């Protein structure tokens, strides 16, 4: 089977499964909580996005992975992780502007754009064979992160 097809099946299957987990388990539970409390576990998850830095580690990814993909993907994830962590701390400290103000919105917009840009760019450049061990980031982690970004938007609206 073609590796592009395998990638597409893996990505969309994960997106569907994580979407169902969100719909069946996460949304019913989080909708009962105050917004700041409901956002906390979602921001904790995104605080681990530093994992995207592996796109810069030779041996994890192919040495031929293009830097026009690797650098924006790695540093975009790191930026999203930092923004999520700052928003998380602000929420936990009870700062009103964390939810009511722009902080969580900025994290969510930056994080969503980062994921969509990396997916688009990776698809356009045909990088599947060059991802190496990092293959599981776009096929497992990215779908979960996209679903949780949707959940954050839903909570904010």
C-alpha atoms as a PDB file:
ATOM      1  CA  UNK A   1       0.000   0.000   0.000  1.00  0.00           C
ATOM      2  CA  UNK A   2       1.211   3.517  -0.777  1.00  0.00           C
ATOM      3  CA  UNK A   3       2.747   5.318   2.224  1.00  0.00           C
ATOM      4  CA  UNK A   4       0.684   8.455   1.517  1.00  0.00           C
ATOM      5  CA  UNK A   5      -2.500   6.418   1.730  1.00  0.00           C
ATOM      6  CA  UNK A   6      -1.340   4.739   4.942  1.00  0.00           C
ATOM      7  CA  UNK A   7      -0.572   8.162   6.403  1.00  0.00           C
ATOM      8  CA  UNK A   8      -3.977   9.551   5.393  1.00  0.00           C
ATOM      9  CA  UNK A   9      -5.811   6.552   6.855  1.00  0.00           C
ATOM     10  CA  UNK A  10      -3.804   6.791  10.092  1.00  0.00           C
ATOM     11  CA  UNK A  11      -4.389  10.524  10.456  1.00  0.00           C
ATOM     12  CA  UNK A  12      -8.119  10.488   9.707  1.00  0.00           C
ATOM     13  CA  UNK A  13      -8.766   7.351  11.754  1.00  0.00           C
ATOM     14  CA  UNK A  14      -7.080   8.967  14.769  1.00  0.00           C
ATOM     15  CA  UNK A  15      -9.010  12.180  14.181  1.00  0.00           C
ATOM     16  CA  UNK A  16     -12.307  10.265  14.174  1.00  0.00           C
ATOM     17  CA  UNK A  17     -11.445   8.245  17.292  1.00  0.00           C
ATOM     18  CA  UNK A  18     -10.233  11.287  19.256  1.00  0.00           C
ATOM     19  CA  UNK A  19     -13.305  13.196  18.072  1.00  0.00           C
ATOM     20  CA  UNK A  20     -15.551  10.479  19.462  1.00  0.00           C
ATOM     21  CA  UNK A  21     -13.639  10.434  22.752  1.00  0.00           C
ATOM     22  CA  UNK A  22     -14.149  14.184  22.939  1.00  0.00           C
ATOM     23  CA  UNK A  23     -17.843  13.948  22.145  1.00  0.00           C
ATOM     24  CA  UNK A  24     -18.668  10.951  24.339  1.00  0.00           C
ATOM     25  CA  UNK A  25     -16.413  11.498  27.354  1.00  0.00           C
ATOM     26  CA  UNK A  26     -14.669  14.865  27.457  1.00  0.00           C
ATOM     27  CA  UNK A  27     -17.438  17.315  26.488  1.00  0.00           C
ATOM     28  CA  UNK A  28     -20.045  15.853  28.890  1.00  0.00           C
ATOM     29  CA  UNK A  29     -17.588  16.074  31.781  1.00  0.00           C
ATOM     30  CA  UNK A  30     -16.056  19.470  30.994  1.00  0.00           C
ATOM     31  CA  UNK A  31     -19.423  21.116  30.326  1.00  0.00           C
ATOM     32  CA  UNK A  32     -20.290  20.613  34.011  1.00  0.00           C
ATOM     33  CA  UNK A  33     -17.233  22.568  35.179  1.00  0.00           C
ATOM     34  CA  UNK A  34     -16.451  26.279  35.353  1.00  0.00           C
ATOM     35  CA  UNK A  35     -14.611  27.388  32.212  1.00  0.00           C
ATOM     36  CA  UNK A  36     -11.208  27.852  33.870  1.00  0.00           C
ATOM     37  CA  UNK A  37     -11.404  24.424  35.492  1.00  0.00           C
ATOM     38  CA  UNK A  38     -12.511  22.808  32.224  1.00  0.00           C
ATOM     39  CA  UNK A  39      -9.654  24.421  30.288  1.00  0.00           C
ATOM     40  CA  UNK A  40      -6.985  23.172  32.709  1.00  0.00           C
ATOM     41  CA  UNK A  41      -6.609  19.564  31.477  1.00  0.00           C
ATOM     42  CA  UNK A  42      -6.653  20.707  27.853  1.00  0.00           C
ATOM     43  CA  UNK A  43      -3.882  23.217  28.500  1.00  0.00           C
ATOM     44  CA  UNK A  44      -1.870  20.614  30.402  1.00  0.00           C
ATOM     45  CA  UNK A  45      -1.957  18.373  27.329  1.00  0.00           C
ATOM     46  CA  UNK A  46      -0.769  21.193  25.069  1.00  0.00           C
ATOM     47  CA  UNK A  47       2.025  22.051  27.498  1.00  0.00           C
ATOM     48  CA  UNK A  48       3.713  18.851  26.262  1.00  0.00           C
ATOM     49  CA  UNK A  49       3.950  20.136  22.695  1.00  0.00           C
ATOM     50  CA  UNK A  50       7.660  20.623  23.186  1.00  0.00           C
ATOM     51  CA  UNK A  51       7.765  17.083  21.782  1.00  0.00           C
ATOM     52  CA  UNK A  52       7.665  18.686  18.322  1.00  0.00           C
ATOM     53  CA  UNK A  53      11.294  19.689  18.853  1.00  0.00           C
ATOM     54  CA  UNK A  54      12.183  16.128  17.769  1.00  0.00           C
ATOM     55  CA  UNK A  55      11.788  17.355  14.188  1.00  0.00           C
ATOM     56  CA  UNK A  56      15.244  18.872  14.737  1.00  0.00           C
ATOM     57  CA  UNK A  57      16.890  15.712  16.109  1.00  0.00           C
ATOM     58  CA  UNK A  58      18.907  13.668  13.583  1.00  0.00           C
ATOM     59  CA  UNK A  59      18.282   9.984  14.051  1.00  0.00           C
ATOM     60  CA  UNK A  60      14.705  10.570  15.136  1.00  0.00           C
ATOM     61  CA  UNK A  61      13.919  12.082  11.759  1.00  0.00           C
ATOM     62  CA  UNK A  62      15.801  11.651   8.512  1.00  0.00           C
ATOM     63  CA  UNK A  63      18.770  13.941   7.989  1.00  0.00           C
ATOM     64  CA  UNK A  64      17.089  14.913   4.711  1.00  0.00           C
ATOM     65  CA  UNK A  65      13.991  16.327   6.430  1.00  0.00           C
ATOM     66  CA  UNK A  66      13.807  19.832   4.917  1.00  0.00           C
ATOM     67  CA  UNK A  67      14.506  22.672   7.326  1.00  0.00           C
ATOM     68  CA  UNK A  68      11.632  24.753   5.840  1.00  0.00           C
ATOM     69  CA  UNK A  69       9.373  22.123   7.432  1.00  0.00           C
ATOM     70  CA  UNK A  70      11.401  21.092  10.493  1.00  0.00           C
ATOM     71  CA  UNK A  71      12.084  24.538  11.968  1.00  0.00           C
ATOM     72  CA  UNK A  72       8.553  25.976  11.767  1.00  0.00           C
ATOM     73  CA  UNK A  73       7.070  22.672  12.995  1.00  0.00           C
ATOM     74  CA  UNK A  74       9.491  22.394  15.922  1.00  0.00           C
ATOM     75  CA  UNK A  75       9.454  26.014  17.017  1.00  0.00           C
ATOM     76  CA  UNK A  76       5.732  26.419  16.353  1.00  0.00           C
ATOM     77  CA  UNK A  77       5.067  23.515  18.709  1.00  0.00           C
ATOM     78  CA  UNK A  78       7.437  24.962  21.292  1.00  0.00           C
ATOM     79  CA  UNK A  79       5.668  28.328  21.077  1.00  0.00           C
ATOM     80  CA  UNK A  80       2.291  26.612  21.494  1.00  0.00           C
ATOM     81  CA  UNK A  81       3.618  24.699  24.521  1.00  0.00           C
ATOM     82  CA  UNK A  82       4.898  27.902  26.146  1.00  0.00           C
ATOM     83  CA  UNK A  83       1.628  29.750  25.457  1.00  0.00           C
ATOM     84  CA  UNK A  84      -0.397  26.824  26.824  1.00  0.00           C
ATOM     85  CA  UNK A  85       1.761  26.700  29.946  1.00  0.00           C
ATOM     86  CA  UNK A  86       1.516  30.456  30.543  1.00  0.00           C
ATOM     87  CA  UNK A  87      -2.272  30.292  30.089  1.00  0.00           C
ATOM     88  CA  UNK A  88      -2.405  27.274  32.421  1.00  0.00           C
ATOM     89  CA  UNK A  89      -0.494  29.085  35.169  1.00  0.00           C
ATOM     90  CA  UNK A  90      -2.669  32.190  34.739  1.00  0.00           C
ATOM     91  CA  UNK A  91      -5.803  30.038  35.051  1.00  0.00           C
ATOM     92  CA  UNK A  92      -4.498  28.241  38.120  1.00  0.00           C
ATOM     93  CA  UNK A  93      -3.619  31.569  39.748  1.00  0.00           C
ATOM     94  CA  UNK A  94      -7.204  32.666  39.126  1.00  0.00           C
ATOM     95  CA  UNK A  95      -6.312  35.605  36.917  1.00  0.00           C
ATOM     96  CA  UNK A  96      -9.568  36.745  35.328  1.00  0.00           C
ATOM     97  CA  UNK A  97      -7.947  37.936  32.112  1.00  0.00           C
ATOM     98  CA  UNK A  98      -6.641  34.430  31.410  1.00  0.00           C
ATOM     99  CA  UNK A  99     -10.092  33.318  30.186  1.00  0.00           C
ATOM    100  CA  UNK A 100     -11.962  36.581  29.755  1.00  0.00           C
ATOM    101  CA  UNK A 101      -8.975  38.226  28.068  1.00  0.00           C
ATOM    102  CA  UNK A 102      -6.864  37.217  25.108  1.00  0.00           C
ATOM    103  CA  UNK A 103      -4.448  34.728  26.714  1.00  0.00           C
ATOM    104  CA  UNK A 104      -6.238  31.419  26.049  1.00  0.00           C
ATOM    105  CA  UNK A 105      -7.498  32.742  22.701  1.00  0.00           C
ATOM    106  CA  UNK A 106      -3.939  33.582  21.604  1.00  0.00           C
ATOM    107  CA  UNK A 107      -2.683  30.131  22.611  1.00  0.00           C
ATOM    108  CA  UNK A 108      -5.548  28.399  20.833  1.00  0.00           C
ATOM    109  CA  UNK A 109      -5.259  30.381  17.621  1.00  0.00           C
ATOM    110  CA  UNK A 110      -1.457  30.069  17.444  1.00  0.00           C
ATOM    111  CA  UNK A 111      -1.559  26.359  18.286  1.00  0.00           C
ATOM    112  CA  UNK A 112      -4.270  25.579  15.741  1.00  0.00           C
ATOM    113  CA  UNK A 113      -2.568  27.522  12.955  1.00  0.00           C
ATOM    114  CA  UNK A 114       0.747  25.821  13.772  1.00  0.00           C
ATOM    115  CA  UNK A 115      -0.765  22.342  13.441  1.00  0.00           C
ATOM    116  CA  UNK A 116      -2.670  23.130  10.250  1.00  0.00           C
ATOM    117  CA  UNK A 117       0.372  24.810   8.679  1.00  0.00           C
ATOM    118  CA  UNK A 118       2.650  21.862   9.515  1.00  0.00           C
ATOM    119  CA  UNK A 119       0.099  19.374   8.159  1.00  0.00           C
ATOM    120  CA  UNK A 120      -0.330  21.355   4.961  1.00  0.00           C
ATOM    121  CA  UNK A 121       3.379  21.919   4.463  1.00  0.00           C
ATOM    122  CA  UNK A 122       4.288  18.314   5.281  1.00  0.00           C
ATOM    123  CA  UNK A 123       1.693  17.042   2.829  1.00  0.00           C
ATOM    124  CA  UNK A 124       2.841  19.432   0.104  1.00  0.00           C
ATOM    125  CA  UNK A 125       6.492  18.449   0.564  1.00  0.00           C
ATOM    126  CA  UNK A 126       5.753  14.702   0.743  1.00  0.00           C
ATOM    127  CA  UNK A 127       7.703  14.112   3.936  1.00  0.00           C
ATOM    128  CA  UNK A 128       6.210  10.847   5.142  1.00  0.00           C
ATOM    129  CA  UNK A 129       9.303   8.711   4.577  1.00  0.00           C
ATOM    130  CA  UNK A 130      11.529  11.348   6.187  1.00  0.00           C
ATOM    131  CA  UNK A 131       9.630  11.560   9.467  1.00  0.00           C
ATOM    132  CA  UNK A 132      11.226   8.442  10.925  1.00  0.00           C
ATOM    133  CA  UNK A 133      10.173   7.818  14.518  1.00  0.00           C
ATOM    134  CA  UNK A 134       8.394  11.190  14.519  1.00  0.00           C
ATOM    135  CA  UNK A 135       5.758   9.648  12.180  1.00  0.00           C
ATOM    136  CA  UNK A 136       3.544   9.132  15.219  1.00  0.00           C
ATOM    137  CA  UNK A 137       3.351  12.858  15.940  1.00  0.00           C
ATOM    138  CA  UNK A 138       1.196  13.734  12.904  1.00  0.00           C
ATOM    139  CA  UNK A 139      -0.738  10.445  12.960  1.00  0.00           C
ATOM    140  CA  UNK A 140      -1.528  10.229  16.698  1.00  0.00           C
ATOM    141  CA  UNK A 141      -0.644  13.453  18.539  1.00  0.00           C
ATOM    142  CA  UNK A 142      -1.819  15.991  15.945  1.00  0.00           C
ATOM    143  CA  UNK A 143      -5.349  14.573  15.651  1.00  0.00           C
ATOM    144  CA  UNK A 144      -5.665  14.578  19.453  1.00  0.00           C
ATOM    145  CA  UNK A 145      -4.355  18.124  19.618  1.00  0.00           C
ATOM    146  CA  UNK A 146      -6.718  19.311  16.880  1.00  0.00           C
ATOM    147  CA  UNK A 147      -9.678  17.842  18.760  1.00  0.00           C
ATOM    148  CA  UNK A 148      -8.595  19.516  21.975  1.00  0.00           C
ATOM    149  CA  UNK A 149      -8.164  22.843  20.154  1.00  0.00           C
ATOM    150  CA  UNK A 150     -11.758  22.462  18.990  1.00  0.00           C
ATOM    151  CA  UNK A 151     -12.794  21.750  22.587  1.00  0.00           C
ATOM    152  CA  UNK A 152     -10.997  24.899  23.794  1.00  0.00           C
ATOM    153  CA  UNK A 153     -12.777  26.973  21.141  1.00  0.00           C
ATOM    154  CA  UNK A 154     -16.062  25.435  22.215  1.00  0.00           C
ATOM    155  CA  UNK A 155     -15.415  26.276  25.868  1.00  0.00           C
ATOM    156  CA  UNK A 156     -14.393  29.841  25.022  1.00  0.00           C
ATOM    157  CA  UNK A 157     -17.516  30.419  22.946  1.00  0.00           C
END
